[in-house]
Amino acid sequence: MFVNRDELERAFAQGEGVLHPGDLKGAVTTVVVAMLEKLSEDMKGDAECAKASKTLKTIAKRVMKSKMKK
């Protein structure tokens, strides 16, 4: 188990004998998913983010309609 990012980077730089790229991918995926879930939760509670999301959905619908007409 790695304590910090520097330790992890050193182990990865040493090659597959220390840390296999597939293991790194699994660990990083777990961390990124957790960060995105937290961000999503925080954004749901923010009124400005909710308004921006609604605006983006409206724009996306308009774009899809214009593509369908072509």
C-alpha atoms as a PDB file:
ATOM      1  CA  MET A   1       0.000   0.000   0.000  1.00  0.00           C
ATOM      2  CA  PHE A   2       1.283   3.415  -0.936  1.00  0.00           C
ATOM      3  CA  VAL A   3       1.137   6.318   1.452  1.00  0.00           C
ATOM      4  CA  ASN A   4       1.401   9.163  -1.054  1.00  0.00           C
ATOM      5  CA  ARG A   5       1.617   9.996  -4.737  1.00  0.00           C
ATOM      6  CA  ASP A   6       5.421  10.304  -4.809  1.00  0.00           C
ATOM      7  CA  GLU A   7       5.813   6.797  -3.428  1.00  0.00           C
ATOM      8  CA  LEU A   8       3.415   5.449  -6.029  1.00  0.00           C
ATOM      9  CA  GLU A   9       5.183   7.273  -8.876  1.00  0.00           C
ATOM     10  CA  ARG A  10       8.576   5.910  -7.799  1.00  0.00           C
ATOM     11  CA  ALA A  11       7.249   2.362  -7.700  1.00  0.00           C
ATOM     12  CA  PHE A  12       5.635   2.716 -11.126  1.00  0.00           C
ATOM     13  CA  ALA A  13       8.844   4.180 -12.592  1.00  0.00           C
ATOM     14  CA  GLN A  14      10.789   1.106 -11.435  1.00  0.00           C
ATOM     15  CA  GLY A  15       8.820  -1.069 -13.827  1.00  0.00           C
ATOM     16  CA  GLU A  16       6.442  -4.002 -13.810  1.00  0.00           C
ATOM     17  CA  GLY A  17       8.410  -5.867 -11.151  1.00  0.00           C
ATOM     18  CA  VAL A  18       7.199  -3.413  -8.532  1.00  0.00           C
ATOM     19  CA  LEU A  19       3.850  -2.187  -9.796  1.00  0.00           C
ATOM     20  CA  HIS A  20       2.083  -3.629 -12.806  1.00  0.00           C
ATOM     21  CA  PRO A  21       0.320  -1.053 -15.046  1.00  0.00           C
ATOM     22  CA  GLY A  22      -2.912  -3.061 -14.753  1.00  0.00           C
ATOM     23  CA  ASP A  23      -2.795  -2.717 -10.972  1.00  0.00           C
ATOM     24  CA  LEU A  24      -2.195   1.005 -11.285  1.00  0.00           C
ATOM     25  CA  LYS A  25      -5.156   1.335 -13.647  1.00  0.00           C
ATOM     26  CA  GLY A  26      -7.475  -0.395 -11.179  1.00  0.00           C
ATOM     27  CA  ALA A  27      -6.367   1.761  -8.278  1.00  0.00           C
ATOM     28  CA  VAL A  28      -6.565   5.006 -10.232  1.00  0.00           C
ATOM     29  CA  THR A  29      -9.990   4.105 -11.627  1.00  0.00           C
ATOM     30  CA  THR A  30     -11.342   3.604  -8.112  1.00  0.00           C
ATOM     31  CA  VAL A  31     -10.000   6.970  -6.965  1.00  0.00           C
ATOM     32  CA  VAL A  32     -11.245   8.859 -10.027  1.00  0.00           C
ATOM     33  CA  VAL A  33     -14.732   7.361  -9.751  1.00  0.00           C
ATOM     34  CA  ALA A  34     -14.906   8.319  -6.072  1.00  0.00           C
ATOM     35  CA  MET A  35     -13.822  11.881  -6.874  1.00  0.00           C
ATOM     36  CA  LEU A  36     -16.385  12.211  -9.668  1.00  0.00           C
ATOM     37  CA  GLU A  37     -19.163  10.862  -7.437  1.00  0.00           C
ATOM     38  CA  LYS A  38     -18.296  13.445  -4.773  1.00  0.00           C
ATOM     39  CA  LEU A  39     -18.205  16.209  -7.381  1.00  0.00           C
ATOM     40  CA  SER A  40     -21.570  15.098  -8.756  1.00  0.00           C
ATOM     41  CA  GLU A  41     -23.127  15.165  -5.277  1.00  0.00           C
ATOM     42  CA  ASP A  42     -21.747  18.637  -4.613  1.00  0.00           C
ATOM     43  CA  MET A  43     -22.999  19.941  -7.952  1.00  0.00           C
ATOM     44  CA  LYS A  44     -26.529  18.609  -7.375  1.00  0.00           C
ATOM     45  CA  GLY A  45     -26.777  20.762  -4.260  1.00  0.00           C
ATOM     46  CA  ASP A  46     -25.656  23.937  -6.032  1.00  0.00           C
ATOM     47  CA  ALA A  47     -28.399  26.094  -7.614  1.00  0.00           C
ATOM     48  CA  GLU A  48     -26.087  27.613 -10.235  1.00  0.00           C
ATOM     49  CA  CYS A  49     -24.914  24.163 -11.344  1.00  0.00           C
ATOM     50  CA  ALA A  50     -28.491  22.943 -11.599  1.00  0.00           C
ATOM     51  CA  LYS A  51     -29.393  25.935 -13.781  1.00  0.00           C
ATOM     52  CA  ALA A  52     -26.329  25.387 -15.990  1.00  0.00           C
ATOM     53  CA  SER A  53     -27.181  21.711 -16.359  1.00  0.00           C
ATOM     54  CA  LYS A  54     -30.718  22.541 -17.439  1.00  0.00           C
ATOM     55  CA  THR A  55     -29.391  25.049 -19.971  1.00  0.00           C
ATOM     56  CA  LEU A  56     -26.938  22.502 -21.395  1.00  0.00           C
ATOM     57  CA  LYS A  57     -29.688  19.905 -21.745  1.00  0.00           C
ATOM     58  CA  THR A  58     -31.836  22.412 -23.631  1.00  0.00           C
ATOM     59  CA  ILE A  59     -28.968  23.251 -25.975  1.00  0.00           C
ATOM     60  CA  ALA A  60     -28.221  19.555 -26.550  1.00  0.00           C
ATOM     61  CA  LYS A  61     -31.856  18.937 -27.509  1.00  0.00           C
ATOM     62  CA  ARG A  62     -31.777  21.817 -29.996  1.00  0.00           C
ATOM     63  CA  VAL A  63     -28.567  20.519 -31.546  1.00  0.00           C
ATOM     64  CA  MET A  64     -30.010  17.022 -31.914  1.00  0.00           C
ATOM     65  CA  LYS A  65     -33.169  18.409 -33.528  1.00  0.00           C
ATOM     66  CA  SER A  66     -31.139  20.429 -36.028  1.00  0.00           C
ATOM     67  CA  LYS A  67     -29.055  17.349 -36.899  1.00  0.00           C
ATOM     68  CA  MET A  68     -32.197  15.284 -37.429  1.00  0.00           C
ATOM     69  CA  LYS A  69     -33.532  17.832 -39.931  1.00  0.00           C
ATOM     70  CA  LYS A  70     -30.429  17.509 -42.122  1.00  0.00           C
END
